[in-house]
Amino acid sequence: SVYYVNYADSVKGRFTISRDNAKNTMYL
C-alpha cells in the first residue's frame, strides 16, 4: 500500500527517487 525507498549512503539527503505509475516512469 506504500512505496519503500532506499539510498546509498553517498547520495542520501541529496538524491530522491520517485515513480509515476500513470506514466510508467521512475525519476531520480
PDB file of all heavy atoms in Angstrom:
ATOM      1  N   SER A   1       0.813  -1.212   0.000  1.00  0.00           N
ATOM      2  CA  SER A   1       0.000   0.000   0.000  1.00  0.00           C
ATOM      3  C   SER A   1       0.847   1.262   0.000  1.00  0.00           C
ATOM      4  O   SER A   1       0.352   2.342  -0.283  1.00  0.00           O
ATOM      5  CB  SER A   1      -0.921   0.004   1.216  1.00  0.00           C
ATOM      6  OG  SER A   1      -0.161  -0.077   2.410  1.00  0.00           O
ATOM      7  N   VAL A   2       2.109   1.116   0.355  1.00  0.00           N
ATOM      8  CA  VAL A   2       3.029   2.250   0.330  1.00  0.00           C
ATOM      9  C   VAL A   2       4.274   1.844  -0.448  1.00  0.00           C
ATOM     10  O   VAL A   2       4.544   0.660  -0.640  1.00  0.00           O
ATOM     11  CB  VAL A   2       3.430   2.699   1.747  1.00  0.00           C
ATOM     12  CG1 VAL A   2       2.217   3.182   2.520  1.00  0.00           C
ATOM     13  CG2 VAL A   2       4.116   1.569   2.503  1.00  0.00           C
ATOM     14  N   TYR A   3       5.020   2.845  -0.883  1.00  0.00           N
ATOM     15  CA  TYR A   3       6.266   2.597  -1.591  1.00  0.00           C
ATOM     16  C   TYR A   3       7.422   2.777  -0.620  1.00  0.00           C
ATOM     17  O   TYR A   3       7.477   3.753   0.122  1.00  0.00           O
ATOM     18  CB  TYR A   3       6.420   3.545  -2.771  1.00  0.00           C
ATOM     19  CG  TYR A   3       5.492   3.230  -3.897  1.00  0.00           C
ATOM     20  CD1 TYR A   3       4.367   4.008  -4.138  1.00  0.00           C
ATOM     21  CD2 TYR A   3       5.718   2.134  -4.729  1.00  0.00           C
ATOM     22  CE1 TYR A   3       3.494   3.711  -5.162  1.00  0.00           C
ATOM     23  CE2 TYR A   3       4.854   1.828  -5.755  1.00  0.00           C
ATOM     24  CZ  TYR A   3       3.748   2.618  -5.969  1.00  0.00           C
ATOM     25  OH  TYR A   3       2.893   2.312  -6.989  1.00  0.00           O
ATOM     26  N   TYR A   4       8.323   1.835  -0.654  1.00  0.00           N
ATOM     27  CA  TYR A   4       9.518   1.904   0.172  1.00  0.00           C
ATOM     28  C   TYR A   4      10.695   2.301  -0.695  1.00  0.00           C
ATOM     29  O   TYR A   4      10.798   1.866  -1.843  1.00  0.00           O
ATOM     30  CB  TYR A   4       9.773   0.565   0.846  1.00  0.00           C
ATOM     31  CG  TYR A   4       8.690   0.177   1.810  1.00  0.00           C
ATOM     32  CD1 TYR A   4       7.647  -0.657   1.427  1.00  0.00           C
ATOM     33  CD2 TYR A   4       8.695   0.667   3.115  1.00  0.00           C
ATOM     34  CE1 TYR A   4       6.638  -1.009   2.302  1.00  0.00           C
ATOM     35  CE2 TYR A   4       7.682   0.326   4.003  1.00  0.00           C
ATOM     36  CZ  TYR A   4       6.663  -0.503   3.588  1.00  0.00           C
ATOM     37  OH  TYR A   4       5.663  -0.836   4.471  1.00  0.00           O
ATOM     38  N   VAL A   5      11.579   3.125  -0.124  1.00  0.00           N
ATOM     39  CA  VAL A   5      12.750   3.581  -0.861  1.00  0.00           C
ATOM     40  C   VAL A   5      14.002   3.342  -0.036  1.00  0.00           C
ATOM     41  O   VAL A   5      13.944   3.190   1.185  1.00  0.00           O
ATOM     42  CB  VAL A   5      12.648   5.081  -1.226  1.00  0.00           C
ATOM     43  CG1 VAL A   5      11.434   5.340  -2.129  1.00  0.00           C
ATOM     44  CG2 VAL A   5      12.588   5.938   0.033  1.00  0.00           C
ATOM     45  N   ASN A   6      15.107   3.300  -0.720  1.00  0.00           N
ATOM     46  CA  ASN A   6      16.394   3.116  -0.063  1.00  0.00           C
ATOM     47  C   ASN A   6      17.467   3.802  -0.890  1.00  0.00           C
ATOM     48  O   ASN A   6      17.363   3.846  -2.123  1.00  0.00           O
ATOM     49  CB  ASN A   6      16.717   1.633   0.084  1.00  0.00           C
ATOM     50  CG  ASN A   6      17.915   1.386   0.971  1.00  0.00           C
ATOM     51  OD1 ASN A   6      19.021   1.210   0.492  1.00  0.00           O
ATOM     52  ND2 ASN A   6      17.692   1.386   2.273  1.00  0.00           N
ATOM     53  N   TYR A   7      18.466   4.342  -0.217  1.00  0.00           N
ATOM     54  CA  TYR A   7      19.521   5.089  -0.893  1.00  0.00           C
ATOM     55  C   TYR A   7      20.899   4.625  -0.445  1.00  0.00           C
ATOM     56  O   TYR A   7      21.095   4.210   0.697  1.00  0.00           O
ATOM     57  CB  TYR A   7      19.398   6.587  -0.575  1.00  0.00           C
ATOM     58  CG  TYR A   7      18.107   7.218  -1.025  1.00  0.00           C
ATOM     59  CD1 TYR A   7      17.028   7.315  -0.152  1.00  0.00           C
ATOM     60  CD2 TYR A   7      17.967   7.712  -2.317  1.00  0.00           C
ATOM     61  CE1 TYR A   7      15.833   7.887  -0.558  1.00  0.00           C
ATOM     62  CE2 TYR A   7      16.782   8.289  -2.734  1.00  0.00           C
ATOM     63  CZ  TYR A   7      15.718   8.375  -1.852  1.00  0.00           C
ATOM     64  OH  TYR A   7      14.543   8.945  -2.254  1.00  0.00           O
ATOM     65  N   ALA A   8      21.839   4.759  -1.346  1.00  0.00           N
ATOM     66  CA  ALA A   8      23.229   4.582  -0.965  1.00  0.00           C
ATOM     67  C   ALA A   8      23.626   5.724  -0.035  1.00  0.00           C
ATOM     68  O   ALA A   8      23.123   6.845  -0.169  1.00  0.00           O
ATOM     69  CB  ALA A   8      24.119   4.574  -2.206  1.00  0.00           C
ATOM     70  N   ASP A   9      24.519   5.456   0.877  1.00  0.00           N
ATOM     71  CA  ASP A   9      24.943   6.489   1.829  1.00  0.00           C
ATOM     72  C   ASP A   9      25.516   7.708   1.112  1.00  0.00           C
ATOM     73  O   ASP A   9      25.357   8.842   1.573  1.00  0.00           O
ATOM     74  CB  ASP A   9      25.986   5.929   2.789  1.00  0.00           C
ATOM     75  CG  ASP A   9      25.379   4.954   3.785  1.00  0.00           C
ATOM     76  OD1 ASP A   9      24.140   4.964   3.965  1.00  0.00           O
ATOM     77  OD2 ASP A   9      26.147   4.183   4.386  1.00  0.00           O
ATOM     78  N   SER A  10      26.166   7.478  -0.009  1.00  0.00           N
ATOM     79  CA  SER A  10      26.833   8.568  -0.717  1.00  0.00           C
ATOM     80  C   SER A  10      25.864   9.573  -1.332  1.00  0.00           C
ATOM     81  O   SER A  10      26.258  10.697  -1.660  1.00  0.00           O
ATOM     82  CB  SER A  10      27.738   8.002  -1.811  1.00  0.00           C
ATOM     83  OG  SER A  10      26.981   7.240  -2.730  1.00  0.00           O
ATOM     84  N   VAL A  11      24.601   9.192  -1.484  1.00  0.00           N
ATOM     85  CA  VAL A  11      23.628  10.102  -2.110  1.00  0.00           C
ATOM     86  C   VAL A  11      22.485  10.468  -1.175  1.00  0.00           C
ATOM     87  O   VAL A  11      21.650  11.304  -1.527  1.00  0.00           O
ATOM     88  CB  VAL A  11      23.051   9.502  -3.409  1.00  0.00           C
ATOM     89  CG1 VAL A  11      24.172   9.088  -4.360  1.00  0.00           C
ATOM     90  CG2 VAL A  11      22.133   8.323  -3.116  1.00  0.00           C
ATOM     91  N   LYS A  12      22.463   9.856  -0.016  1.00  0.00           N
ATOM     92  CA  LYS A  12      21.374  10.103   0.930  1.00  0.00           C
ATOM     93  C   LYS A  12      21.310  11.581   1.290  1.00  0.00           C
ATOM     94  O   LYS A  12      22.315  12.203   1.606  1.00  0.00           O
ATOM     95  CB  LYS A  12      21.589   9.251   2.182  1.00  0.00           C
ATOM     96  CG  LYS A  12      20.349   8.999   2.987  1.00  0.00           C
ATOM     97  CD  LYS A  12      20.636   7.955   4.072  1.00  0.00           C
ATOM     98  CE  LYS A  12      20.915   6.607   3.477  1.00  0.00           C
ATOM     99  NZ  LYS A  12      21.126   5.563   4.513  1.00  0.00           N
ATOM    100  N   GLY A  13      20.105  12.134   1.217  1.00  0.00           N
ATOM    101  CA  GLY A  13      19.928  13.548   1.511  1.00  0.00           C
ATOM    102  C   GLY A  13      20.102  14.454   0.309  1.00  0.00           C
ATOM    103  O   GLY A  13      19.740  15.633   0.354  1.00  0.00           O
ATOM    104  N   ARG A  14      20.658  13.919  -0.773  1.00  0.00           N
ATOM    105  CA  ARG A  14      20.857  14.727  -1.993  1.00  0.00           C
ATOM    106  C   ARG A  14      20.002  14.223  -3.164  1.00  0.00           C
ATOM    107  O   ARG A  14      19.586  15.018  -4.000  1.00  0.00           O
ATOM    108  CB  ARG A  14      22.328  14.694  -2.407  1.00  0.00           C
ATOM    109  CG  ARG A  14      23.276  15.257  -1.364  1.00  0.00           C
ATOM    110  CD  ARG A  14      24.692  15.386  -1.931  1.00  0.00           C
ATOM    111  NE  ARG A  14      25.258  14.104  -2.315  1.00  0.00           N
ATOM    112  CZ  ARG A  14      25.676  13.802  -3.553  1.00  0.00           C
ATOM    113  NH1 ARG A  14      25.589  14.703  -4.506  1.00  0.00           N
ATOM    114  NH2 ARG A  14      26.192  12.603  -3.814  1.00  0.00           N
ATOM    115  N   PHE A  15      19.767  12.938  -3.213  1.00  0.00           N
ATOM    116  CA  PHE A  15      19.004  12.345  -4.310  1.00  0.00           C
ATOM    117  C   PHE A  15      17.642  11.871  -3.792  1.00  0.00           C
ATOM    118  O   PHE A  15      17.523  11.440  -2.644  1.00  0.00           O
ATOM    119  CB  PHE A  15      19.738  11.137  -4.889  1.00  0.00           C
ATOM    120  CG  PHE A  15      20.997  11.458  -5.649  1.00  0.00           C
ATOM    121  CD1 PHE A  15      21.562  12.720  -5.633  1.00  0.00           C
ATOM    122  CD2 PHE A  15      21.615  10.460  -6.404  1.00  0.00           C
ATOM    123  CE1 PHE A  15      22.722  13.000  -6.334  1.00  0.00           C
ATOM    124  CE2 PHE A  15      22.773  10.722  -7.113  1.00  0.00           C
ATOM    125  CZ  PHE A  15      23.332  11.991  -7.074  1.00  0.00           C
ATOM    126  N   THR A  16      16.646  11.942  -4.671  1.00  0.00           N
ATOM    127  CA  THR A  16      15.309  11.463  -4.342  1.00  0.00           C
ATOM    128  C   THR A  16      14.780  10.606  -5.470  1.00  0.00           C
ATOM    129  O   THR A  16      14.749  11.048  -6.624  1.00  0.00           O
ATOM    130  CB  THR A  16      14.349  12.630  -4.093  1.00  0.00           C
ATOM    131  OG1 THR A  16      14.847  13.462  -3.036  1.00  0.00           O
ATOM    132  CG2 THR A  16      12.969  12.106  -3.706  1.00  0.00           C
ATOM    133  N   ILE A  17      14.384   9.401  -5.142  1.00  0.00           N
ATOM    134  CA  ILE A  17      13.804   8.504  -6.126  1.00  0.00           C
ATOM    135  C   ILE A  17      12.283   8.561  -5.999  1.00  0.00           C
ATOM    136  O   ILE A  17      11.742   8.668  -4.899  1.00  0.00           O
ATOM    137  CB  ILE A  17      14.321   7.055  -5.939  1.00  0.00           C
ATOM    138  CG1 ILE A  17      13.875   6.167  -7.094  1.00  0.00           C
ATOM    139  CG2 ILE A  17      13.878   6.481  -4.593  1.00  0.00           C
ATOM    140  CD1 ILE A  17      14.526   4.774  -7.071  1.00  0.00           C
ATOM    141  N   SER A  18      11.613   8.502  -7.139  1.00  0.00           N
ATOM    142  CA  SER A  18      10.145   8.525  -7.127  1.00  0.00           C
ATOM    143  C   SER A  18       9.640   7.832  -8.379  1.00  0.00           C
ATOM    144  O   SER A  18      10.423   7.499  -9.268  1.00  0.00           O
ATOM    145  CB  SER A  18       9.626   9.968  -7.064  1.00  0.00           C
ATOM    146  OG  SER A  18      10.025  10.701  -8.211  1.00  0.00           O
ATOM    147  N   ARG A  19       8.339   7.613  -8.427  1.00  0.00           N
ATOM    148  CA  ARG A  19       7.771   6.982  -9.607  1.00  0.00           C
ATOM    149  C   ARG A  19       6.381   7.542  -9.856  1.00  0.00           C
ATOM    150  O   ARG A  19       5.679   7.926  -8.930  1.00  0.00           O
ATOM    151  CB  ARG A  19       7.733   5.462  -9.448  1.00  0.00           C
ATOM    152  CG  ARG A  19       6.865   4.954  -8.322  1.00  0.00           C
ATOM    153  CD  ARG A  19       7.098   3.466  -8.077  1.00  0.00           C
ATOM    154  NE  ARG A  19       6.792   2.672  -9.271  1.00  0.00           N
ATOM    155  CZ  ARG A  19       7.228   1.432  -9.462  1.00  0.00           C
ATOM    156  NH1 ARG A  19       7.977   0.834  -8.553  1.00  0.00           N
ATOM    157  NH2 ARG A  19       6.880   0.763 -10.549  1.00  0.00           N
ATOM    158  N   ASP A  20       6.016   7.571 -11.111  1.00  0.00           N
ATOM    159  CA  ASP A  20       4.679   7.987 -11.527  1.00  0.00           C
ATOM    160  C   ASP A  20       4.106   6.827 -12.322  1.00  0.00           C
ATOM    161  O   ASP A  20       4.426   6.649 -13.500  1.00  0.00           O
ATOM    162  CB  ASP A  20       4.761   9.262 -12.371  1.00  0.00           C
ATOM    163  CG  ASP A  20       3.396   9.794 -12.777  1.00  0.00           C
ATOM    164  OD1 ASP A  20       2.415   9.022 -12.741  1.00  0.00           O
ATOM    165  OD2 ASP A  20       3.307  10.964 -13.136  1.00  0.00           O
ATOM    166  N   ASN A  21       3.290   6.027 -11.675  1.00  0.00           N
ATOM    167  CA  ASN A  21       2.787   4.814 -12.330  1.00  0.00           C
ATOM    168  C   ASN A  21       1.864   5.126 -13.495  1.00  0.00           C
ATOM    169  O   ASN A  21       1.760   4.346 -14.437  1.00  0.00           O
ATOM    170  CB  ASN A  21       2.072   3.933 -11.314  1.00  0.00           C
ATOM    171  CG  ASN A  21       3.036   3.258 -10.370  1.00  0.00           C
ATOM    172  OD1 ASN A  21       4.221   3.099 -10.672  1.00  0.00           O
ATOM    173  ND2 ASN A  21       2.551   2.879  -9.202  1.00  0.00           N
ATOM    174  N   ALA A  22       1.198   6.256 -13.445  1.00  0.00           N
ATOM    175  CA  ALA A  22       0.330   6.631 -14.558  1.00  0.00           C
ATOM    176  C   ALA A  22       1.138   6.835 -15.836  1.00  0.00           C
ATOM    177  O   ALA A  22       0.634   6.631 -16.940  1.00  0.00           O
ATOM    178  CB  ALA A  22      -0.443   7.894 -14.225  1.00  0.00           C
ATOM    179  N   LYS A  23       2.390   7.233 -15.656  1.00  0.00           N
ATOM    180  CA  LYS A  23       3.271   7.454 -16.801  1.00  0.00           C
ATOM    181  C   LYS A  23       4.283   6.333 -16.974  1.00  0.00           C
ATOM    182  O   LYS A  23       5.123   6.402 -17.871  1.00  0.00           O
ATOM    183  CB  LYS A  23       4.020   8.782 -16.625  1.00  0.00           C
ATOM    184  CG  LYS A  23       3.121  10.005 -16.599  1.00  0.00           C
ATOM    185  CD  LYS A  23       3.931  11.275 -16.446  1.00  0.00           C
ATOM    186  CE  LYS A  23       3.036  12.496 -16.452  1.00  0.00           C
ATOM    187  NZ  LYS A  23       3.810  13.756 -16.296  1.00  0.00           N
ATOM    188  N   ASN A  24       4.208   5.318 -16.109  1.00  0.00           N
ATOM    189  CA  ASN A  24       5.188   4.223 -16.160  1.00  0.00           C
ATOM    190  C   ASN A  24       6.612   4.766 -16.160  1.00  0.00           C
ATOM    191  O   ASN A  24       7.466   4.305 -16.920  1.00  0.00           O
ATOM    192  CB  ASN A  24       4.970   3.348 -17.398  1.00  0.00           C
ATOM    193  CG  ASN A  24       3.931   2.274 -17.164  1.00  0.00           C
ATOM    194  OD1 ASN A  24       3.400   2.138 -16.066  1.00  0.00           O
ATOM    195  ND2 ASN A  24       3.629   1.513 -18.186  1.00  0.00           N
ATOM    196  N   THR A  25       6.853   5.716 -15.312  1.00  0.00           N
ATOM    197  CA  THR A  25       8.148   6.386 -15.297  1.00  0.00           C
ATOM    198  C   THR A  25       8.677   6.506 -13.873  1.00  0.00           C
ATOM    199  O   THR A  25       7.928   6.808 -12.949  1.00  0.00           O
ATOM    200  CB  THR A  25       8.051   7.781 -15.929  1.00  0.00           C
ATOM    201  OG1 THR A  25       7.588   7.654 -17.278  1.00  0.00           O
ATOM    202  CG2 THR A  25       9.401   8.482 -15.942  1.00  0.00           C
ATOM    203  N   MET A  26       9.966   6.264 -13.739  1.00  0.00           N
ATOM    204  CA  MET A  26      10.667   6.451 -12.477  1.00  0.00           C
ATOM    205  C   MET A  26      11.613   7.628 -12.634  1.00  0.00           C
ATOM    206  O   MET A  26      12.124   7.881 -13.731  1.00  0.00           O
ATOM    207  CB  MET A  26      11.453   5.193 -12.118  1.00  0.00           C
ATOM    208  CG  MET A  26      12.325   5.333 -10.886  1.00  0.00           C
ATOM    209  SD  MET A  26      13.274   3.840 -10.515  1.00  0.00           S
ATOM    210  CE  MET A  26      14.368   3.716 -11.929  1.00  0.00           C
ATOM    211  N   TYR A  27      11.836   8.334 -11.549  1.00  0.00           N
ATOM    212  CA  TYR A  27      12.685   9.520 -11.593  1.00  0.00           C
ATOM    213  C   TYR A  27      13.797   9.422 -10.544  1.00  0.00           C
ATOM    214  O   TYR A  27      13.665   8.745  -9.533  1.00  0.00           O
ATOM    215  CB  TYR A  27      11.869  10.779 -11.323  1.00  0.00           C
ATOM    216  CG  TYR A  27      10.720  10.975 -12.261  1.00  0.00           C
ATOM    217  CD1 TYR A  27       9.428  10.597 -11.902  1.00  0.00           C
ATOM    218  CD2 TYR A  27      10.914  11.527 -13.524  1.00  0.00           C
ATOM    219  CE1 TYR A  27       8.358  10.763 -12.767  1.00  0.00           C
ATOM    220  CE2 TYR A  27       9.856  11.707 -14.396  1.00  0.00           C
ATOM    221  CZ  TYR A  27       8.586  11.322 -14.013  1.00  0.00           C
ATOM    222  OH  TYR A  27       7.534  11.493 -14.879  1.00  0.00           O
ATOM    223  N   LEU A  28      14.865  10.145 -10.813  1.00  0.00           N
ATOM    224  CA  LEU A  28      15.904  10.336  -9.826  1.00  0.00           C
ATOM    225  C   LEU A  28      16.230  11.821  -9.824  1.00  0.00           C
ATOM    226  O   LEU A  28      16.850  12.334 -10.765  1.00  0.00           O
ATOM    227  CB  LEU A  28      17.156   9.517 -10.136  1.00  0.00           C
ATOM    228  CG  LEU A  28      18.241   9.587  -9.067  1.00  0.00           C
ATOM    229  CD1 LEU A  28      17.770   8.897  -7.780  1.00  0.00           C
ATOM    230  CD2 LEU A  28      19.548   8.955  -9.555  1.00  0.00           C
TER     231      LEU A  28
END
